Amino acid sequence: MKRRVKDNLDECIQLLSVVSTQLSPQIVKAAETITAGLLDEKKVLACGNGGSAADAQHFASKMLNRYEMDRPGLPAIALTADSVTLTSIANDYQFADVFSKQIRALGQPGDILLAITTSGESVNIVHAIDAARDRRMKIIALTGREGGQITDLLQEPDIELRVPSWSSARIQEIHIIMINAICDLIDQFLLGYGE
């Protein structure tokens, strides 16, 4: 069992090294995009399923409250957090619409959608991206594997942060690290310490 733990941790470390080399510029670009939106009085809408739903809520909490520095709250909404709205939409329409209906109601031009999916195949995330595009929002997608359908939907200037792994556990581990890196950069940019 100790060997299994070590193997899992080593796999995560190796993947993190690859991501650090390959995706650091896109992580910076994602943080710059969000920061520019915030400075223009825009907001971030975040969504995902399962563990990715928790990641969306983690991101929103770090924006609304704080990351590591004291600062005013920043406008971010986790579309995964309102169980009444989610179940109402799923019951009255379909689960595929749980995020897109919220985006069509809350999203404004220039807002940012943070879409999180390990497979890139979640139909409700596909619909969320379509709705964000209709609302003229900017799109940042955290994906894994080969990017799935999500990759085909993205266009300039959308940003995809794709973790090159087929393991959902490893992808989610790296997603949360990337989310923390984005939050750190946003704080640095907004508080004037960024380089």
Protein backbone atom coordinates (compact mmCIF):
# COMPACT_ATOMS: atom_id res chain seq x y z
CA MET A 1 0.00 0.00 0.00
CA LYS A 2 2.87 2.38 0.74
CA ARG A 3 4.25 1.67 -2.72
CA ARG A 4 0.86 2.44 -4.27
CA VAL A 5 0.72 5.77 -2.45
CA LYS A 6 4.25 6.58 -3.62
CA ASP A 7 3.40 5.59 -7.21
CA ASN A 8 0.32 7.87 -7.20
CA LEU A 9 2.29 10.78 -5.77
CA ASP A 10 5.17 10.23 -8.20
CA GLU A 11 2.72 10.15 -11.12
CA CYS A 12 1.23 13.46 -9.96
CA ILE A 13 4.69 15.03 -9.56
CA GLN A 14 5.74 13.93 -13.07
CA LEU A 15 2.51 15.26 -14.58
CA LEU A 16 2.87 18.52 -12.67
CA SER A 17 6.37 18.93 -14.11
CA VAL A 18 5.03 18.49 -17.66
CA VAL A 19 2.18 20.94 -17.01
CA SER A 20 4.57 23.46 -15.45
CA THR A 21 6.69 23.44 -18.61
CA GLN A 22 3.88 23.29 -21.18
CA LEU A 23 1.02 25.30 -19.65
CA SER A 24 2.60 28.07 -17.57
CA PRO A 25 2.19 30.66 -20.37
CA GLN A 26 -1.51 29.78 -20.78
CA ILE A 27 -2.05 29.89 -17.01
CA VAL A 28 -0.63 33.41 -16.99
CA LYS A 29 -2.85 34.31 -19.96
CA ALA A 30 -5.92 32.95 -18.13
CA ALA A 31 -5.11 35.04 -15.04
CA GLU A 32 -4.52 38.11 -17.22
CA THR A 33 -7.87 37.58 -18.96
CA ILE A 34 -9.74 37.28 -15.66
CA THR A 35 -7.90 40.26 -14.16
CA ALA A 36 -8.68 42.45 -17.19
CA GLY A 37 -12.33 41.43 -16.91
CA LEU A 38 -12.46 42.23 -13.21
CA LEU A 39 -10.88 45.64 -13.80
CA ASP A 40 -13.57 46.24 -16.43
CA GLU A 41 -16.26 45.39 -13.81
CA LYS A 42 -17.01 41.96 -15.30
CA LYS A 43 -17.57 38.71 -13.38
CA VAL A 44 -16.56 35.07 -13.63
CA LEU A 45 -19.12 32.26 -13.87
CA ALA A 46 -17.63 28.84 -13.04
CA CYS A 47 -19.07 25.38 -13.65
CA GLY A 48 -18.21 21.68 -13.68
CA ASN A 49 -19.57 18.28 -12.65
CA GLY A 50 -18.63 16.12 -9.66
CA GLY A 51 -15.10 16.96 -8.51
CA SER A 52 -15.02 19.72 -11.12
CA ALA A 53 -18.13 21.23 -9.49
CA ALA A 54 -16.17 21.36 -6.24
CA ASP A 55 -13.30 23.02 -8.13
CA ALA A 56 -15.70 25.65 -9.50
CA GLN A 57 -16.89 26.38 -5.96
CA HIS A 58 -13.30 26.44 -4.68
CA PHE A 59 -12.43 29.05 -7.31
CA ALA A 60 -15.47 31.20 -6.53
CA SER A 61 -14.75 31.08 -2.80
CA LYS A 62 -11.16 32.23 -3.34
CA MET A 63 -12.42 35.11 -5.46
CA LEU A 64 -15.32 36.21 -3.27
CA ASN A 65 -13.42 35.90 0.01
CA ARG A 66 -9.63 35.83 -0.39
CA TYR A 67 -6.81 33.70 -1.66
CA GLU A 68 -3.70 34.42 0.43
CA MET A 69 -3.81 38.21 0.66
CA ASP A 70 -6.46 40.39 2.22
CA ARG A 71 -8.36 42.28 -0.48
CA PRO A 72 -11.93 43.18 -1.36
CA GLY A 73 -14.07 40.33 -2.68
CA LEU A 74 -14.07 39.76 -6.43
CA PRO A 75 -17.22 38.89 -8.43
CA ALA A 76 -17.37 35.17 -9.15
CA ILE A 77 -20.32 32.79 -9.12
CA ALA A 78 -20.16 28.99 -8.97
CA LEU A 79 -23.09 27.82 -11.09
CA THR A 80 -22.84 24.48 -9.26
CA ALA A 81 -23.70 25.80 -5.79
CA ASP A 82 -27.46 26.48 -5.96
CA SER A 83 -29.09 23.05 -5.59
CA VAL A 84 -32.62 24.48 -5.91
CA THR A 85 -31.84 26.10 -9.27
CA LEU A 86 -29.91 23.07 -10.53
CA THR A 87 -32.64 20.58 -9.67
CA SER A 88 -35.39 22.89 -10.93
CA ILE A 89 -33.73 23.22 -14.35
CA ALA A 90 -32.92 19.50 -14.49
CA ASN A 91 -36.51 18.61 -13.56
CA ASP A 92 -38.32 21.10 -15.81
CA TYR A 93 -35.96 20.83 -18.80
CA GLN A 94 -32.92 18.56 -18.79
CA PHE A 95 -29.65 18.19 -16.90
CA ALA A 96 -27.79 19.31 -20.03
CA ASP A 97 -29.24 22.82 -19.46
CA VAL A 98 -28.33 23.32 -15.78
CA PHE A 99 -25.46 25.70 -16.57
CA SER A 100 -26.53 27.18 -19.91
CA LYS A 101 -29.83 28.53 -18.52
CA GLN A 102 -27.97 30.23 -15.69
CA ILE A 103 -25.41 31.68 -18.13
CA ARG A 104 -28.16 33.05 -20.39
CA ALA A 105 -29.73 34.75 -17.34
CA LEU A 106 -26.57 35.99 -15.57
CA GLY A 107 -23.88 36.28 -18.24
CA GLN A 108 -23.09 39.63 -19.83
CA PRO A 109 -20.76 40.50 -22.71
CA GLY A 110 -17.17 40.51 -21.46
CA ASP A 111 -17.89 38.22 -18.49
CA ILE A 112 -15.74 35.10 -18.25
CA LEU A 113 -16.86 31.47 -18.17
CA LEU A 114 -14.51 29.12 -16.31
CA ALA A 115 -15.60 25.68 -17.56
CA ILE A 116 -13.99 22.69 -15.81
CA THR A 117 -14.19 19.15 -17.20
CA THR A 118 -11.75 16.23 -17.01
CA SER A 119 -13.06 14.56 -20.17
CA GLY A 120 -14.20 17.50 -22.29
CA GLU A 121 -17.32 15.48 -23.10
CA SER A 122 -19.87 16.75 -20.54
CA VAL A 123 -22.97 17.80 -22.46
CA ASN A 124 -23.91 20.46 -19.91
CA ILE A 125 -20.43 22.02 -20.28
CA VAL A 126 -20.80 21.95 -24.07
CA HIS A 127 -24.14 23.78 -23.68
CA ALA A 128 -22.53 26.20 -21.20
CA ILE A 129 -19.85 27.13 -23.74
CA ASP A 130 -22.51 27.61 -26.45
CA ALA A 131 -24.48 29.89 -24.12
CA ALA A 132 -21.36 31.84 -23.15
CA ARG A 133 -20.51 32.35 -26.80
CA ASP A 134 -24.08 33.60 -27.48
CA ARG A 135 -23.67 36.05 -24.56
CA ARG A 136 -20.28 37.21 -25.97
CA MET A 137 -18.40 36.01 -22.91
CA LYS A 138 -14.74 35.02 -22.75
CA ILE A 139 -14.11 31.32 -22.19
CA ILE A 140 -11.42 29.57 -20.17
CA ALA A 141 -11.67 25.76 -20.20
CA LEU A 142 -9.78 23.42 -17.88
CA THR A 143 -9.79 20.02 -19.57
CA GLY A 144 -7.87 16.75 -19.69
CA ARG A 145 -7.30 13.71 -21.87
CA GLU A 146 -7.56 14.89 -25.51
CA GLY A 147 -9.90 17.79 -24.70
CA GLY A 148 -13.03 16.06 -26.03
CA GLN A 149 -15.82 18.04 -27.69
CA ILE A 150 -14.77 21.13 -25.76
CA THR A 151 -11.59 21.53 -27.81
CA ASP A 152 -13.61 21.68 -31.03
CA LEU A 153 -15.84 24.44 -29.61
CA LEU A 154 -13.04 26.75 -28.55
CA GLN A 155 -11.82 29.55 -30.81
CA GLU A 156 -9.57 32.57 -30.49
CA PRO A 157 -9.26 34.17 -27.96
CA ASP A 158 -10.61 31.29 -25.80
CA ILE A 159 -8.06 29.59 -23.54
CA GLU A 160 -7.78 25.85 -22.96
CA LEU A 161 -5.67 24.49 -20.11
CA ARG A 162 -5.52 20.79 -20.97
CA VAL A 163 -3.87 18.35 -18.57
CA PRO A 164 -2.19 15.63 -20.67
CA SER A 165 -3.45 12.60 -18.73
CA TRP A 166 -6.21 10.00 -18.97
CA SER A 167 -6.56 9.65 -15.20
CA SER A 168 -9.49 11.69 -13.83
CA ALA A 169 -7.84 11.74 -10.39
CA ARG A 170 -4.56 13.15 -11.74
CA ILE A 171 -6.38 15.67 -13.96
CA GLN A 172 -8.43 16.95 -11.00
CA GLU A 173 -5.31 17.21 -8.85
CA ILE A 174 -3.62 19.37 -11.47
CA HIS A 175 -6.79 21.41 -12.10
CA ILE A 176 -6.89 22.53 -8.46
CA ILE A 177 -3.20 23.46 -8.60
CA MET A 178 -3.83 25.50 -11.78
CA ILE A 179 -6.83 27.20 -10.15
CA ASN A 180 -4.67 28.15 -7.17
CA ALA A 181 -1.96 29.46 -9.53
CA ILE A 182 -4.58 31.59 -11.34
CA CYS A 183 -5.90 32.98 -8.04
CA ASP A 184 -2.36 33.81 -6.92
CA LEU A 185 -1.62 35.66 -10.17
CA ILE A 186 -4.89 37.60 -9.99
CA ASP A 187 -3.95 38.79 -6.50
CA GLN A 188 -0.49 39.75 -7.72
CA PHE A 189 -1.85 41.66 -10.72
CA LEU A 190 -4.57 43.48 -8.77
CA LEU A 191 -2.44 44.37 -5.76
CA GLY A 192 0.41 45.67 -7.89
CA TYR A 193 3.06 43.12 -7.00
CA GLY A 194 2.96 41.20 -10.29
CA GLU A 195 5.96 41.04 -12.60
